[in-house]
C-alpha cells in the first residue's frame, strides 16, 4: 500500500500555474492550522500526501492551491483524528481570510475524494516511527521522537523528498536524530539509506521559522533549540580545525657574524628569501657631521652621538701629481735658467 499511495513528482512538475517555490508557503499554512486545531502528527503527513496525490492527477490553479490544502487537511482530520478536533469549515474560511466561500470547501473536499477514488489510507512517517521506536531502547526518550518529527516535517518543504517512501524517511530521520543527540548506534531499524541521511542533514541549517517556532515549545522538548545549539557547536569545531596562514620568516636579530664593536655602515636586514638580482650597496654618508670627534669631548663625555669615520681618500692622484712635477719643470725653474743665460 505504501507504493500505491505515493505521489508522482513528474506529474506535479507539468502543472502550469503552481510551482515548487509556492510549496513552502502552503506547508507553513498547513502547519499553523494543524497546530491551532491540535491535531495528531499523522494528520499533517496524511494531509500533505493527499495534496500531492491530487496535484499528480488534476490541474490545479494558483488561486485554488490553498483551497486544495484545506480540503486535504479536513479529510485527513476526519479520517484519523478525534471528532471534537476536526476543524469547522467556518474556521478554515476565517484562516483563509474569507478568500473562499463555505460551499467551495465542501465542493473541493468532494472533488478530492472522487479524484483519489476514496483511497485515503496511507502509511505515514509517524506510523513507521512508532514501530521503530518500539524496537529501540529509547522508547521512553521523547526527545529522540520529537527530533525525528522535526526532521520529517522539514522534509515536507522540499521537492527532493516528495518521492521518498515513508518507511525509508522514518529510518533515516531516526538514525540522524540519534547521531545528533549522541545516542549509541543500534541495528534494529534495518538498513538506513546513507544518501538520504546526508540529504536530510543538508536541510537542517535552513528550517522554516514557523516550524522552528512550533518545535521550540516545552511539550515538544524544545528540539529546535537543541538542533540549533548542535549546529553552532559543529560550526565552531570546523573553524577550529582551519590552520591560519603562516607569515614569512624574518630574522629577529642580526647574525652573530655581523655583531662587532667596529663602527660600520648600517645594513638592512633581509629575510631568507631575496628577490633575484643584486642588492644596491649602501651609500657611505659624508659631511662634517660624520667627521672626527670635536674638542667638545670633555673627560670622556660626548656631547653628540658616536660618528662613523670618514672613508679614506684614495692616494693615487697625489702620486700622479708628484710624478708630473718630477718629469716636467715648473715655471720657476725656467725663469732661473733665463737669468743665468743673460749673465
Protein backbone atom coordinates (compact mmCIF):
# COMPACT_ATOMS: atom_id res chain seq x y z
CA UNK A 1 0.00 0.00 0.00
CA UNK A 2 2.97 2.30 0.56
CA UNK A 3 3.87 2.26 -3.13
CA UNK A 4 0.31 2.61 -4.43
CA UNK A 5 -0.38 5.76 -2.41
CA UNK A 6 2.78 7.67 -3.36
CA UNK A 7 2.51 10.90 -5.43
CA UNK A 8 4.11 11.30 -8.84
CA UNK A 9 6.67 14.12 -8.89
CA UNK A 10 6.89 14.17 -12.69
CA UNK A 11 3.15 14.83 -12.96
CA UNK A 12 3.34 17.67 -10.44
CA UNK A 13 6.14 19.32 -12.42
CA UNK A 14 3.95 19.71 -15.52
CA UNK A 15 1.49 21.91 -13.66
CA UNK A 16 1.10 25.21 -15.47
CA UNK A 17 0.34 27.61 -12.62
CA UNK A 18 1.55 26.10 -9.36
CA UNK A 19 5.32 25.95 -8.92
CA UNK A 20 7.62 24.36 -6.37
CA UNK A 21 8.52 27.69 -4.79
CA UNK A 22 4.87 28.01 -3.67
CA UNK A 23 5.03 24.79 -1.69
CA UNK A 24 6.80 26.17 1.44
CA UNK A 25 4.13 28.86 1.86
CA UNK A 26 1.32 26.31 1.73
CA UNK A 27 3.16 23.95 4.12
CA UNK A 28 3.60 26.83 6.58
CA UNK A 29 -0.14 27.47 6.41
CA UNK A 30 -0.99 23.80 6.98
CA UNK A 31 1.42 23.56 9.93
CA UNK A 32 -0.11 26.63 11.57
CA UNK A 33 -3.63 25.25 11.06
CA UNK A 34 -2.56 21.82 12.30
CA UNK A 35 -1.10 23.34 15.47
CA UNK A 36 -4.10 25.62 16.03
CA UNK A 37 -6.54 22.69 15.98
CA UNK A 38 -4.13 20.46 17.98
CA UNK A 39 -4.38 17.58 15.53
CA UNK A 40 -2.36 14.37 15.66
CA UNK A 41 1.09 14.24 13.98
CA UNK A 42 -0.02 11.67 11.39
CA UNK A 43 -2.85 14.00 10.30
CA UNK A 44 -0.37 16.53 8.91
CA UNK A 45 1.59 13.95 6.91
CA UNK A 46 -1.63 12.40 5.57
CA UNK A 47 -2.92 15.83 4.51
CA UNK A 48 0.29 16.57 2.58
CA UNK A 49 0.11 13.14 0.95
CA UNK A 50 -3.48 13.77 -0.19
CA UNK A 51 -2.46 17.20 -1.51
CA UNK A 52 0.43 15.81 -3.56
CA UNK A 53 -1.60 12.90 -4.90
CA UNK A 54 -4.36 15.25 -6.04
CA UNK A 55 -1.85 17.55 -7.76
CA UNK A 56 -0.45 14.48 -9.52
CA UNK A 57 -3.81 13.79 -11.17
CA UNK A 58 -5.56 17.14 -11.61
CA UNK A 59 -4.68 20.55 -12.98
CA UNK A 60 -4.65 22.98 -10.07
CA UNK A 61 -4.95 26.73 -10.50
CA UNK A 62 -2.87 29.01 -8.35
CA UNK A 63 -5.92 30.63 -6.77
CA UNK A 64 -7.21 27.19 -5.67
CA UNK A 65 -3.92 25.84 -4.30
CA UNK A 66 -4.68 26.88 -0.71
CA UNK A 67 -8.24 25.57 -1.04
CA UNK A 68 -6.96 22.12 -2.02
CA UNK A 69 -4.67 22.14 1.02
CA UNK A 70 -7.57 22.99 3.34
CA UNK A 71 -9.70 20.22 1.84
CA UNK A 72 -6.85 17.72 2.28
CA UNK A 73 -6.40 18.75 5.92
CA UNK A 74 -10.14 18.43 6.52
CA UNK A 75 -10.25 14.93 5.01
CA UNK A 76 -7.18 13.78 6.97
CA UNK A 77 -8.62 15.06 10.25
CA UNK A 78 -11.91 13.26 9.65
CA UNK A 79 -10.04 10.08 8.74
CA UNK A 80 -7.73 9.62 11.73
CA UNK A 81 -8.25 12.33 14.34
CA UNK A 82 -10.73 12.82 17.13
CA UNK A 83 -14.16 14.10 16.21
CA UNK A 84 -14.04 17.09 18.56
CA UNK A 85 -10.78 18.25 16.99
CA UNK A 86 -11.92 18.21 13.38
CA UNK A 87 -11.87 21.82 12.14
CA UNK A 88 -15.09 23.51 11.13
CA UNK A 89 -15.48 24.94 7.65
CA UNK A 90 -16.13 28.42 9.02
CA UNK A 91 -12.84 28.20 10.95
CA UNK A 92 -10.95 27.26 7.81
CA UNK A 93 -12.67 30.11 5.98
CA UNK A 94 -11.52 32.52 8.67
CA UNK A 95 -7.93 31.24 8.43
CA UNK A 96 -8.04 31.85 4.66
CA UNK A 97 -9.17 35.45 5.29
CA UNK A 98 -12.59 34.67 3.71
CA UNK A 99 -10.96 34.15 0.34
CA UNK A 100 -13.28 31.21 -0.38
CA UNK A 101 -16.96 30.63 0.37
CA UNK A 102 -18.05 27.80 2.64
CA UNK A 103 -19.61 25.93 -0.29
CA UNK A 104 -16.24 25.90 -2.07
CA UNK A 105 -14.66 23.92 0.79
CA UNK A 106 -17.37 21.27 0.54
CA UNK A 107 -17.10 21.07 -3.25
CA UNK A 108 -13.30 20.77 -3.16
CA UNK A 109 -13.47 18.10 -0.46
CA UNK A 110 -15.85 16.06 -2.60
CA UNK A 111 -13.69 16.58 -5.70
CA UNK A 112 -10.53 15.39 -3.93
CA UNK A 113 -12.24 12.22 -2.71
CA UNK A 114 -13.55 11.40 -6.17
CA UNK A 115 -10.17 12.07 -7.79
CA UNK A 116 -8.39 9.72 -5.37
CA UNK A 117 -11.20 7.16 -5.71
CA UNK A 118 -11.81 7.37 -1.97
CA UNK A 119 -8.45 5.76 -1.26
CA UNK A 120 -7.45 7.84 1.75
CA UNK A 121 -5.38 5.45 3.84
CA UNK A 122 -1.62 5.88 3.64
CA UNK A 123 1.15 4.56 5.96
CA UNK A 124 2.57 7.87 7.14
CA UNK A 125 6.03 8.59 8.50
CA UNK A 126 4.69 8.84 12.04
CA UNK A 127 3.32 5.29 11.96
CA UNK A 128 6.71 3.93 10.85
CA UNK A 129 8.44 5.98 13.55
CA UNK A 130 6.24 4.48 16.25
CA UNK A 131 7.13 0.96 15.10
CA UNK A 132 10.86 1.76 15.07
CA UNK A 133 10.73 3.40 18.49
CA UNK A 134 9.05 0.34 19.99
CA UNK A 135 12.03 -1.76 18.92
CA UNK A 136 14.69 0.62 20.20
CA UNK A 137 15.88 1.26 23.76
CA UNK A 138 14.84 4.92 23.66
CA UNK A 139 11.07 4.23 23.80
CA UNK A 140 10.76 6.46 26.88
CA UNK A 141 13.06 9.17 25.46
CA UNK A 142 10.67 11.71 23.98
CA UNK A 143 13.50 13.95 22.76
CA UNK A 144 14.51 11.41 20.11
CA UNK A 145 10.92 11.08 18.94
CA UNK A 146 10.30 14.82 18.81
CA UNK A 147 13.54 15.48 16.95
CA UNK A 148 12.58 12.80 14.42
CA UNK A 149 9.22 14.53 13.91
CA UNK A 150 11.02 17.82 13.43
CA UNK A 151 13.32 16.40 10.75
CA UNK A 152 10.46 14.64 8.94
CA UNK A 153 8.40 17.83 8.83
CA UNK A 154 11.42 19.70 7.46
CA UNK A 155 11.39 17.24 4.57
CA UNK A 156 7.81 18.25 3.67
CA UNK A 157 9.10 21.59 2.35
CA UNK A 158 11.47 20.19 -0.27
CA UNK A 159 10.78 18.63 -3.63
CA UNK A 160 13.54 16.02 -3.38
CA UNK A 161 11.77 14.21 -0.51
CA UNK A 162 8.28 14.01 -2.05
CA UNK A 163 9.01 10.68 -3.74
CA UNK A 164 10.77 9.13 -0.71
CA UNK A 165 8.86 6.28 0.92
CA UNK A 166 7.71 6.93 4.50
CA UNK A 167 9.48 3.82 5.81
CA UNK A 168 12.86 4.98 4.47
CA UNK A 169 12.23 8.52 5.73
CA UNK A 170 11.41 7.23 9.22
CA UNK A 171 14.60 5.14 9.46
CA UNK A 172 16.82 7.95 8.16
CA UNK A 173 15.32 10.64 10.41
CA UNK A 174 15.53 8.39 13.47
CA UNK A 175 19.16 7.49 12.80
CA UNK A 176 20.02 11.15 12.22
CA UNK A 177 18.29 12.15 15.46
CA UNK A 178 20.29 9.59 17.41
CA UNK A 179 23.52 10.91 15.92
CA UNK A 180 22.64 14.50 16.84
CA UNK A 181 21.73 13.58 20.42
CA UNK A 182 24.80 11.37 20.85
CA UNK A 183 22.87 8.14 21.42
CA UNK A 184 24.65 4.79 20.85
CA UNK A 185 24.16 3.14 17.49
CA UNK A 186 21.79 0.19 17.18
CA UNK A 187 20.88 -2.09 14.27
CA UNK A 188 17.20 -2.67 15.00
CA UNK A 189 15.95 -0.22 12.36
CA UNK A 190 17.10 -2.18 9.36
CA UNK A 191 19.18 -0.76 6.55
CA UNK A 192 19.39 3.04 6.57
CA UNK A 193 19.95 4.97 3.36
CA UNK A 194 23.14 6.95 3.93
CA UNK A 195 22.45 9.20 0.94
CA UNK A 196 19.06 10.08 2.38
CA UNK A 197 20.62 10.88 5.75
CA UNK A 198 23.13 13.15 4.03
CA UNK A 199 20.36 14.94 2.12
CA UNK A 200 18.39 15.46 5.33
CA UNK A 201 21.43 16.79 7.16
CA UNK A 202 21.92 19.44 4.47
CA UNK A 203 18.47 20.87 5.20
CA UNK A 204 18.98 21.23 8.95
CA UNK A 205 20.56 24.68 8.64
CA UNK A 206 17.56 26.29 6.97
CA UNK A 207 14.35 25.34 8.81
CA UNK A 208 11.16 27.31 8.38
CA UNK A 209 10.56 29.93 11.05
CA UNK A 210 7.01 28.62 11.53
CA UNK A 211 8.26 25.08 12.04
CA UNK A 212 11.10 26.16 14.34
CA UNK A 213 8.69 28.15 16.48
CA UNK A 214 6.37 25.15 16.73
CA UNK A 215 9.13 22.83 17.98
CA UNK A 216 10.51 25.42 20.40
CA UNK A 217 7.61 24.72 22.77
CA UNK A 218 8.29 22.78 26.01
CA UNK A 219 5.82 19.96 25.23
CA UNK A 220 7.94 19.15 22.14
CA UNK A 221 11.21 19.09 24.16
CA UNK A 222 12.43 22.34 22.54
CA UNK A 223 14.16 20.26 19.89
CA UNK A 224 14.54 23.24 17.55
CA UNK A 225 16.80 24.88 20.15
CA UNK A 226 18.64 21.60 20.69
CA UNK A 227 19.31 21.32 16.98
CA UNK A 228 20.37 24.97 16.72
CA UNK A 229 22.93 24.57 19.50
CA UNK A 230 24.23 21.40 17.89
CA UNK A 231 24.74 23.15 14.55
CA UNK A 232 26.51 26.08 16.23
CA UNK A 233 28.82 23.67 18.01
CA UNK A 234 29.62 21.88 14.76
CA UNK A 235 30.35 25.20 13.04
CA UNK A 236 32.70 26.26 15.86
CA UNK A 237 34.55 22.95 15.70
CA UNK A 238 35.01 23.23 11.95
CA UNK A 239 36.51 26.72 12.34
CA UNK A 240 38.97 25.50 14.97
CA UNK A 241 40.40 22.95 12.56
CA UNK A 242 41.26 25.63 9.99
CA UNK A 243 45.03 26.34 10.08
CA UNK A 244 45.86 30.07 9.88
CA UNK A 245 48.31 31.20 7.18
CA UNK A 246 51.97 31.18 8.24
CA UNK A 247 53.72 34.58 7.88
CA UNK A 248 57.08 34.70 6.05
CA UNK A 249 60.09 34.02 8.24
CA UNK A 250 62.04 37.13 9.20
CA UNK A 251 65.16 37.09 11.38
CA UNK A 252 64.54 38.71 14.75
CA UNK A 253 68.12 39.90 15.20
CA UNK A 254 71.36 40.32 13.31
CA UNK A 255 73.57 37.26 12.92
CA UNK A 256 76.44 36.90 15.34
CA UNK A 257 78.93 37.28 12.48
CA UNK A 258 77.71 40.86 11.94
CA UNK A 259 77.80 41.81 15.61
CA UNK A 260 81.14 43.56 16.47
CA UNK A 261 82.34 46.73 18.12
CA UNK A 262 83.72 48.44 14.98
CA UNK A 263 81.61 51.23 13.51
CA UNK A 264 80.18 50.26 10.13
CA UNK A 265 77.60 51.43 7.67
CA UNK A 266 74.14 50.32 8.80
CA UNK A 267 72.90 47.36 6.80
CA UNK A 268 69.25 46.47 6.08
CA UNK A 269 68.24 43.11 7.39
CA UNK A 270 66.80 40.84 4.72
CA UNK A 271 64.89 37.62 5.03
CA UNK A 272 65.99 34.21 3.95
CA UNK A 273 64.48 34.60 0.51
CA UNK A 274 65.82 37.55 -1.53
CA UNK A 275 64.47 38.70 -4.85
CA UNK A 276 66.52 37.66 -7.86
CA UNK A 277 69.21 40.21 -8.72
CA UNK A 278 71.90 42.23 -6.94
CA UNK A 279 71.18 44.37 -3.95
CA UNK A 280 72.11 48.07 -4.19
CA UNK A 281 75.13 48.70 -1.91
CA UNK A 282 74.62 51.24 0.87
CA UNK A 283 75.95 54.78 0.39
CA UNK A 284 78.65 55.89 2.77
CA UNK A 285 77.49 59.10 4.46
CA UNK A 286 79.71 62.14 4.02
CA UNK A 287 79.80 65.58 5.56
CA UNK A 288 81.04 67.43 8.57
CA UNK A 289 78.64 65.63 10.89
CA UNK A 290 80.39 62.35 10.22
CA UNK A 291 83.87 63.75 10.78
CA UNK A 292 86.17 63.13 13.65
CA UNK A 293 85.14 63.83 17.17
CA UNK A 294 85.48 67.55 18.02
CA UNK A 295 87.01 69.11 21.04
CA UNK A 296 83.69 69.16 22.86
CA UNK A 297 84.56 65.83 24.40
CA UNK A 298 85.49 66.57 27.95
CA UNK A 299 86.70 63.87 30.27
CA UNK A 300 85.15 61.06 28.26
CA UNK A 301 81.80 62.80 27.86
CA UNK A 302 80.47 63.05 24.32
CA UNK A 303 78.02 65.82 23.50
CA UNK A 304 76.86 64.06 20.33
CA UNK A 305 76.28 60.52 19.19
CA UNK A 306 79.26 58.47 18.01
CA UNK A 307 80.11 59.21 14.44
CA UNK A 308 81.28 56.97 11.69
CA UNK A 309 84.86 57.55 10.36
CA UNK A 310 85.27 59.26 7.03
CA UNK A 311 86.03 56.99 4.16
CA UNK A 312 89.80 57.49 3.32
CA UNK A 313 90.56 59.35 0.11
CA UNK A 314 92.49 57.32 -2.49
CA UNK A 315 96.25 58.31 -2.77
CA UNK A 316 96.53 57.62 -6.50
CA UNK A 317 96.02 61.26 -7.56
CA UNK A 318 98.73 62.57 -5.18
CA UNK A 319 101.29 60.11 -6.52
CA UNK A 320 100.37 61.03 -10.10
CA UNK A 321 100.88 64.77 -9.44
CA UNK A 322 104.30 64.16 -7.86
CA UNK A 323 105.39 62.20 -10.90
CA UNK A 324 104.31 65.02 -13.20
CA UNK A 325 106.28 67.57 -11.18
CA UNK A 326 109.41 65.44 -11.36
CA UNK A 327 109.15 64.89 -15.12
CA UNK A 328 108.17 68.43 -16.16
CA UNK A 329 109.99 71.53 -14.72
CA UNK A 330 107.94 74.26 -13.25
CA UNK A 331 107.84 77.93 -14.31
CA UNK A 332 110.28 79.00 -11.58
CA UNK A 333 112.91 76.63 -12.96
CA UNK A 334 112.65 78.16 -16.42
CA UNK A 335 112.97 81.68 -15.03
CA UNK A 336 116.18 80.86 -13.14
CA UNK A 337 117.71 79.38 -16.28
CA UNK A 338 116.95 82.56 -18.27
CA UNK A 339 118.73 84.74 -15.70
CA UNK A 340 121.87 82.64 -15.92
CA UNK A 341 121.96 82.85 -19.72
CA UNK A 342 121.56 86.59 -19.70
CA UNK A 343 124.51 86.97 -17.39
